[in-house]
Amino acid sequence: MWLTILAIVLVVLAILAGLSMTLVGLPGNWLIVLAALLQKMLAAEDSRLAVSWYLLAAVLFLGLLGEACEFAAGAWGVAKAGGSRRAISAALAGSLLGGFAGLWIPIPIPLVGPILGAVLFASLGAFAGAYSGERTLGRSKGQSLPVGIAAFFGRIAGTVSKFGCGIVMATLLLLSLIW
C-alpha cells in the first residue's frame, strides 16, 4: 500500500517538475516520458500502476510532437521574417538564458508569477538573440527588428504548443493511475 502511494507521489512530482521545466525551455516533457517508462518497467502488469504499451507510445509520440512544435514555431517565425541561421541559433540560446533569468526576476502575481516570468523572459531572450544575430551579420536595425519580433512570438507559440502536449501527456498518465 505504501509503495503504491509512494509511486503515485513520485509520478505526480515528475509530471509537475516536467511541466515546470517545459515552461523554462528545458526538455521537461521528456521527464514525463521517463516517468511513464519507469512506471511501465517497475509496475507489475497486474498492478493498478501498470502502464500499457499503447499509453507509453502515446506519451512518447506527444513528447516528440511537442519538441517538433516548439522548434518549428520558433524557427519558422524567424525564417518567415527573413532571419538567418545565426539568428535562429542565437534566438534559441537567448530563450534558454531568458527562461532561467525569468525564474528569478519576480513578477508580482501569486503562483503564476514565476511561470509568466519564465515564458516572458524566454521570449525576450529569443527576441534579443535573433535581433543581435542579425545585427552581427551587418543587417540594419530596421531589418533585424522584424526578425526579433518573429522570434519573440514564435517562442511563445512554441512554448504554448509544447506545454499543451505536456498537459495531454500528464493527463493521460494521471488517468492511467486512476483507472
Foldseek 3Di string as FASTA:
>chain_A
DVVLVVLLVVLVVLLVQLLLCLLLPHLSLVSNLVSLVCLCVPDDCPDLSHDDPVLSVLSVVLSVVLVCLLLCLLVVLLVVLVFDPQLSVQLSVQLNVQLVVLQVPFDPDPPCGSSVSNLQRSLQRSLVRNLVSVVVVVDDNVSSNSSSVSNSVSNNRSSVSSSVSSVVSSVSSVVSSVD
